[in-house]
Amino acid sequence: MSKGNGFKERLSLFREMWYFIRCRKRWWLAPILIFLLLLSLFIVLTESSALLPFIYTLF
């Protein structure tokens, strides 16, 4: 399996989620998914030790 194939699979997962939310009118799921996306982005970006002192000052 190549890297490109995995990326396409992830995109299809997001596409299916969007289709589910849009067609089934499950708009209450959108804030939860956005929060999880932002939280995962935050975790990935703070893995660098150079950013940790700045993050600690926020909390």
PDB file of N, CA and C in Angstrom:
ATOM      1  N   MET A   1       0.844  -1.174   0.000  1.00  0.00           N
ATOM      2  CA  MET A   1       0.000   0.000   0.000  1.00  0.00           C
ATOM      3  C   MET A   1       0.887   1.233   0.000  1.00  0.00           C
ATOM      4  N   SER A   2       0.602   2.168  -0.849  1.00  0.00           N
ATOM      5  CA  SER A   2       1.399   3.387  -0.932  1.00  0.00           C
ATOM      6  C   SER A   2       0.821   4.464  -0.031  1.00  0.00           C
ATOM      7  N   LYS A   3       1.630   5.511   0.197  1.00  0.00           N
ATOM      8  CA  LYS A   3       1.173   6.610   1.037  1.00  0.00           C
ATOM      9  C   LYS A   3      -0.016   7.331   0.418  1.00  0.00           C
ATOM     10  N   GLY A   4      -0.016   7.480  -0.866  1.00  0.00           N
ATOM     11  CA  GLY A   4      -1.107   8.165  -1.550  1.00  0.00           C
ATOM     12  C   GLY A   4      -2.442   7.462  -1.358  1.00  0.00           C
ATOM     13  N   ASN A   5      -2.411   6.152  -1.309  1.00  0.00           N
ATOM     14  CA  ASN A   5      -3.628   5.384  -1.118  1.00  0.00           C
ATOM     15  C   ASN A   5      -4.206   5.634   0.272  1.00  0.00           C
ATOM     16  N   GLY A   6      -3.381   5.706   1.297  1.00  0.00           N
ATOM     17  CA  GLY A   6      -3.846   5.980   2.651  1.00  0.00           C
ATOM     18  C   GLY A   6      -4.459   7.357   2.768  1.00  0.00           C
ATOM     19  N   PHE A   7      -3.859   8.313   2.083  1.00  0.00           N
ATOM     20  CA  PHE A   7      -4.389   9.678   2.102  1.00  0.00           C
ATOM     21  C   PHE A   7      -5.756   9.731   1.435  1.00  0.00           C
ATOM     22  N   LYS A   8      -5.904   9.004   0.340  1.00  0.00           N
ATOM     23  CA  LYS A   8      -7.194   8.972  -0.350  1.00  0.00           C
ATOM     24  C   LYS A   8      -8.251   8.294   0.510  1.00  0.00           C
ATOM     25  N   GLU A   9      -7.854   7.283   1.265  1.00  0.00           N
ATOM     26  CA  GLU A   9      -8.797   6.615   2.156  1.00  0.00           C
ATOM     27  C   GLU A   9      -9.259   7.558   3.253  1.00  0.00           C
ATOM     28  N   ARG A  10      -8.350   8.371   3.783  1.00  0.00           N
ATOM     29  CA  ARG A  10      -8.737   9.338   4.808  1.00  0.00           C
ATOM     30  C   ARG A  10      -9.693  10.373   4.240  1.00  0.00           C
ATOM     31  N   LEU A  11      -9.411  10.829   3.031  1.00  0.00           N
ATOM     32  CA  LEU A  11     -10.308  11.803   2.413  1.00  0.00           C
ATOM     33  C   LEU A  11     -11.685  11.205   2.180  1.00  0.00           C
ATOM     34  N   SER A  12     -11.740   9.950   1.795  1.00  0.00           N
ATOM     35  CA  SER A  12     -13.043   9.328   1.582  1.00  0.00           C
ATOM     36  C   SER A  12     -13.793   9.193   2.902  1.00  0.00           C
ATOM     37  N   LEU A  13     -13.084   8.979   3.994  1.00  0.00           N
ATOM     38  CA  LEU A  13     -13.729   8.920   5.303  1.00  0.00           C
ATOM     39  C   LEU A  13     -14.360  10.263   5.649  1.00  0.00           C
ATOM     40  N   PHE A  14     -13.628  11.359   5.429  1.00  0.00           N
ATOM     41  CA  PHE A  14     -14.180  12.683   5.701  1.00  0.00           C
ATOM     42  C   PHE A  14     -15.344  12.990   4.762  1.00  0.00           C
ATOM     43  N   ARG A  15     -15.230  12.551   3.533  1.00  0.00           N
ATOM     44  CA  ARG A  15     -16.308  12.768   2.570  1.00  0.00           C
ATOM     45  C   ARG A  15     -17.570  12.026   3.005  1.00  0.00           C
ATOM     46  N   GLU A  16     -17.407  10.801   3.490  1.00  0.00           N
ATOM     47  CA  GLU A  16     -18.558  10.042   3.973  1.00  0.00           C
ATOM     48  C   GLU A  16     -19.160  10.680   5.213  1.00  0.00           C
ATOM     49  N   MET A  17     -18.329  11.202   6.115  1.00  0.00           N
ATOM     50  CA  MET A  17     -18.850  11.898   7.296  1.00  0.00           C
ATOM     51  C   MET A  17     -19.663  13.117   6.892  1.00  0.00           C
ATOM     52  N   TRP A  18     -19.122  13.909   5.964  1.00  0.00           N
ATOM     53  CA  TRP A  18     -19.824  15.100   5.498  1.00  0.00           C
ATOM     54  C   TRP A  18     -21.157  14.715   4.851  1.00  0.00           C
ATOM     55  N   TYR A  19     -21.149  13.651   4.056  1.00  0.00           N
ATOM     56  CA  TYR A  19     -22.380  13.195   3.419  1.00  0.00           C
ATOM     57  C   TYR A  19     -23.402  12.776   4.468  1.00  0.00           C
ATOM     58  N   PHE A  20     -22.964  12.070   5.499  1.00  0.00           N
ATOM     59  CA  PHE A  20     -23.856  11.632   6.571  1.00  0.00           C
ATOM     60  C   PHE A  20     -24.461  12.821   7.297  1.00  0.00           C
ATOM     61  N   ILE A  21     -23.622  13.801   7.651  1.00  0.00           N
ATOM     62  CA  ILE A  21     -24.116  14.978   8.369  1.00  0.00           C
ATOM     63  C   ILE A  21     -25.095  15.757   7.498  1.00  0.00           C
ATOM     64  N   ARG A  22     -24.763  15.929   6.249  1.00  0.00           N
ATOM     65  CA  ARG A  22     -25.593  16.740   5.354  1.00  0.00           C
ATOM     66  C   ARG A  22     -26.920  16.058   5.027  1.00  0.00           C
ATOM     67  N   CYS A  23     -26.900  14.788   4.704  1.00  0.00           N
ATOM     68  CA  CYS A  23     -28.119  14.100   4.265  1.00  0.00           C
ATOM     69  C   CYS A  23     -29.025  13.691   5.419  1.00  0.00           C
ATOM     70  N   ARG A  24     -28.442  13.334   6.538  1.00  0.00           N
ATOM     71  CA  ARG A  24     -29.253  12.897   7.673  1.00  0.00           C
ATOM     72  C   ARG A  24     -29.614  14.028   8.624  1.00  0.00           C
ATOM     73  N   LYS A  25     -29.154  15.235   8.322  1.00  0.00           N
ATOM     74  CA  LYS A  25     -29.437  16.430   9.131  1.00  0.00           C
ATOM     75  C   LYS A  25     -28.966  16.254  10.576  1.00  0.00           C
ATOM     76  N   ARG A  26     -27.778  15.735  10.718  1.00  0.00           N
ATOM     77  CA  ARG A  26     -27.175  15.548  12.044  1.00  0.00           C
ATOM     78  C   ARG A  26     -26.181  16.675  12.316  1.00  0.00           C
ATOM     79  N   TRP A  27     -26.665  17.901  12.292  1.00  0.00           N
ATOM     80  CA  TRP A  27     -25.786  19.062  12.430  1.00  0.00           C
ATOM     81  C   TRP A  27     -25.202  19.185  13.828  1.00  0.00           C
ATOM     82  N   TRP A  28     -25.778  18.506  14.812  1.00  0.00           N
ATOM     83  CA  TRP A  28     -25.223  18.561  16.154  1.00  0.00           C
ATOM     84  C   TRP A  28     -23.869  17.846  16.221  1.00  0.00           C
ATOM     85  N   LEU A  29     -23.553  17.028  15.237  1.00  0.00           N
ATOM     86  CA  LEU A  29     -22.253  16.352  15.201  1.00  0.00           C
ATOM     87  C   LEU A  29     -21.128  17.274  14.741  1.00  0.00           C
ATOM     88  N   ALA A  30     -21.468  18.311  14.006  1.00  0.00           N
ATOM     89  CA  ALA A  30     -20.443  19.194  13.438  1.00  0.00           C
ATOM     90  C   ALA A  30     -19.570  19.852  14.508  1.00  0.00           C
ATOM     91  N   PRO A  31     -20.124  20.451  15.580  1.00  0.00           N
ATOM     92  CA  PRO A  31     -19.240  21.047  16.598  1.00  0.00           C
ATOM     93  C   PRO A  31     -18.333  20.026  17.283  1.00  0.00           C
ATOM     94  N   ILE A  32     -18.840  18.826  17.479  1.00  0.00           N
ATOM     95  CA  ILE A  32     -18.025  17.783  18.106  1.00  0.00           C
ATOM     96  C   ILE A  32     -16.851  17.416  17.204  1.00  0.00           C
ATOM     97  N   LEU A  33     -17.116  17.238  15.931  1.00  0.00           N
ATOM     98  CA  LEU A  33     -16.051  16.887  14.990  1.00  0.00           C
ATOM     99  C   LEU A  33     -15.041  18.015  14.834  1.00  0.00           C
ATOM    100  N   ILE A  34     -15.518  19.256  14.814  1.00  0.00           N
ATOM    101  CA  ILE A  34     -14.603  20.397  14.715  1.00  0.00           C
ATOM    102  C   ILE A  34     -13.726  20.474  15.950  1.00  0.00           C
ATOM    103  N   PHE A  35     -14.311  20.266  17.131  1.00  0.00           N
ATOM    104  CA  PHE A  35     -13.528  20.286  18.366  1.00  0.00           C
ATOM    105  C   PHE A  35     -12.471  19.186  18.363  1.00  0.00           C
ATOM    106  N   LEU A  36     -12.838  17.991  17.948  1.00  0.00           N
ATOM    107  CA  LEU A  36     -11.871  16.892  17.896  1.00  0.00           C
ATOM    108  C   LEU A  36     -10.759  17.166  16.896  1.00  0.00           C
ATOM    109  N   LEU A  37     -11.103  17.765  15.776  1.00  0.00           N
ATOM    110  CA  LEU A  37     -10.098  18.124  14.782  1.00  0.00           C
ATOM    111  C   LEU A  37      -9.132  19.166  15.334  1.00  0.00           C
ATOM    112  N   LEU A  38      -9.654  20.194  15.996  1.00  0.00           N
ATOM    113  CA  LEU A  38      -8.790  21.227  16.576  1.00  0.00           C
ATOM    114  C   LEU A  38      -7.929  20.667  17.705  1.00  0.00           C
ATOM    115  N   LEU A  39      -8.496  19.792  18.516  1.00  0.00           N
ATOM    116  CA  LEU A  39      -7.731  19.182  19.600  1.00  0.00           C
ATOM    117  C   LEU A  39      -6.600  18.316  19.055  1.00  0.00           C
ATOM    118  N   SER A  40      -6.864  17.547  18.017  1.00  0.00           N
ATOM    119  CA  SER A  40      -5.803  16.720  17.438  1.00  0.00           C
ATOM    120  C   SER A  40      -4.731  17.584  16.784  1.00  0.00           C
ATOM    121  N   LEU A  41      -5.136  18.671  16.148  1.00  0.00           N
ATOM    122  CA  LEU A  41      -4.166  19.598  15.566  1.00  0.00           C
ATOM    123  C   LEU A  41      -3.303  20.228  16.658  1.00  0.00           C
ATOM    124  N   PHE A  42      -3.918  20.598  17.769  1.00  0.00           N
ATOM    125  CA  PHE A  42      -3.193  21.165  18.905  1.00  0.00           C
ATOM    126  C   PHE A  42      -2.170  20.174  19.450  1.00  0.00           C
ATOM    127  N   ILE A  43      -2.554  18.920  19.578  1.00  0.00           N
ATOM    128  CA  ILE A  43      -1.645  17.893  20.094  1.00  0.00           C
ATOM    129  C   ILE A  43      -0.468  17.687  19.149  1.00  0.00           C
ATOM    130  N   VAL A  44      -0.722  17.647  17.871  1.00  0.00           N
ATOM    131  CA  VAL A  44       0.353  17.454  16.893  1.00  0.00           C
ATOM    132  C   VAL A  44       1.315  18.634  16.907  1.00  0.00           C
ATOM    133  N   LEU A  45       0.787  19.846  16.984  1.00  0.00           N
ATOM    134  CA  LEU A  45       1.644  21.029  16.948  1.00  0.00           C
ATOM    135  C   LEU A  45       2.455  21.219  18.226  1.00  0.00           C
ATOM    136  N   THR A  46       1.967  20.740  19.353  1.00  0.00           N
ATOM    137  CA  THR A  46       2.688  20.930  20.612  1.00  0.00           C
ATOM    138  C   THR A  46       3.653  19.795  20.924  1.00  0.00           C
ATOM    139  N   GLU A  47       3.840  18.865  20.027  1.00  0.00           N
ATOM    140  CA  GLU A  47       4.819  17.803  20.257  1.00  0.00           C
ATOM    141  C   GLU A  47       6.242  18.335  20.249  1.00  0.00           C
ATOM    142  N   SER A  48       6.450  19.442  19.627  1.00  0.00           N
ATOM    143  CA  SER A  48       7.778  20.043  19.590  1.00  0.00           C
ATOM    144  C   SER A  48       8.106  20.633  20.956  1.00  0.00           C
ATOM    145  N   SER A  49       9.274  20.329  21.478  1.00  0.00           N
ATOM    146  CA  SER A  49       9.638  20.819  22.808  1.00  0.00           C
ATOM    147  C   SER A  49       9.903  22.318  22.819  1.00  0.00           C
ATOM    148  N   ALA A  50      10.159  22.923  21.672  1.00  0.00           N
ATOM    149  CA  ALA A  50      10.402  24.362  21.622  1.00  0.00           C
ATOM    150  C   ALA A  50       9.128  25.156  21.901  1.00  0.00           C
ATOM    151  N   LEU A  51       7.989  24.577  21.634  1.00  0.00           N
ATOM    152  CA  LEU A  51       6.725  25.276  21.865  1.00  0.00           C
ATOM    153  C   LEU A  51       6.177  25.089  23.273  1.00  0.00           C
ATOM    154  N   LEU A  52       6.663  24.122  23.996  1.00  0.00           N
ATOM    155  CA  LEU A  52       6.104  23.824  25.305  1.00  0.00           C
ATOM    156  C   LEU A  52       6.143  24.994  26.286  1.00  0.00           C
ATOM    157  N   PRO A  53       7.213  25.772  26.406  1.00  0.00           N
ATOM    158  CA  PRO A  53       7.172  26.899  27.344  1.00  0.00           C
ATOM    159  C   PRO A  53       6.078  27.912  27.017  1.00  0.00           C
ATOM    160  N   PHE A  54       5.782  28.093  25.758  1.00  0.00           N
ATOM    161  CA  PHE A  54       4.717  29.025  25.382  1.00  0.00           C
ATOM    162  C   PHE A  54       3.340  28.460  25.717  1.00  0.00           C
ATOM    163  N   ILE A  55       3.188  27.163  25.584  1.00  0.00           N
ATOM    164  CA  ILE A  55       1.913  26.531  25.911  1.00  0.00           C
ATOM    165  C   ILE A  55       1.685  26.563  27.414  1.00  0.00           C
ATOM    166  N   TYR A  56       2.724  26.331  28.203  1.00  0.00           N
ATOM    167  CA  TYR A  56       2.576  26.348  29.652  1.00  0.00           C
ATOM    168  C   TYR A  56       2.149  27.718  30.155  1.00  0.00           C
ATOM    169  N   THR A  57       2.577  28.785  29.498  1.00  0.00           N
ATOM    170  CA  THR A  57       2.177  30.117  29.953  1.00  0.00           C
ATOM    171  C   THR A  57       0.705  30.391  29.667  1.00  0.00           C
ATOM    172  N   LEU A  58       0.116  29.686  28.721  1.00  0.00           N
ATOM    173  CA  LEU A  58      -1.304  29.881  28.440  1.00  0.00           C
ATOM    174  C   LEU A  58      -2.190  29.301  29.530  1.00  0.00           C
ATOM    175  N   PHE A  59      -1.721  28.252  30.174  1.00  0.00           N
ATOM    176  CA  PHE A  59      -2.541  27.591  31.189  1.00  0.00           C
ATOM    177  C   PHE A  59      -1.969  27.881  32.522  1.00  0.00           C
TER     178      PHE A  59
END
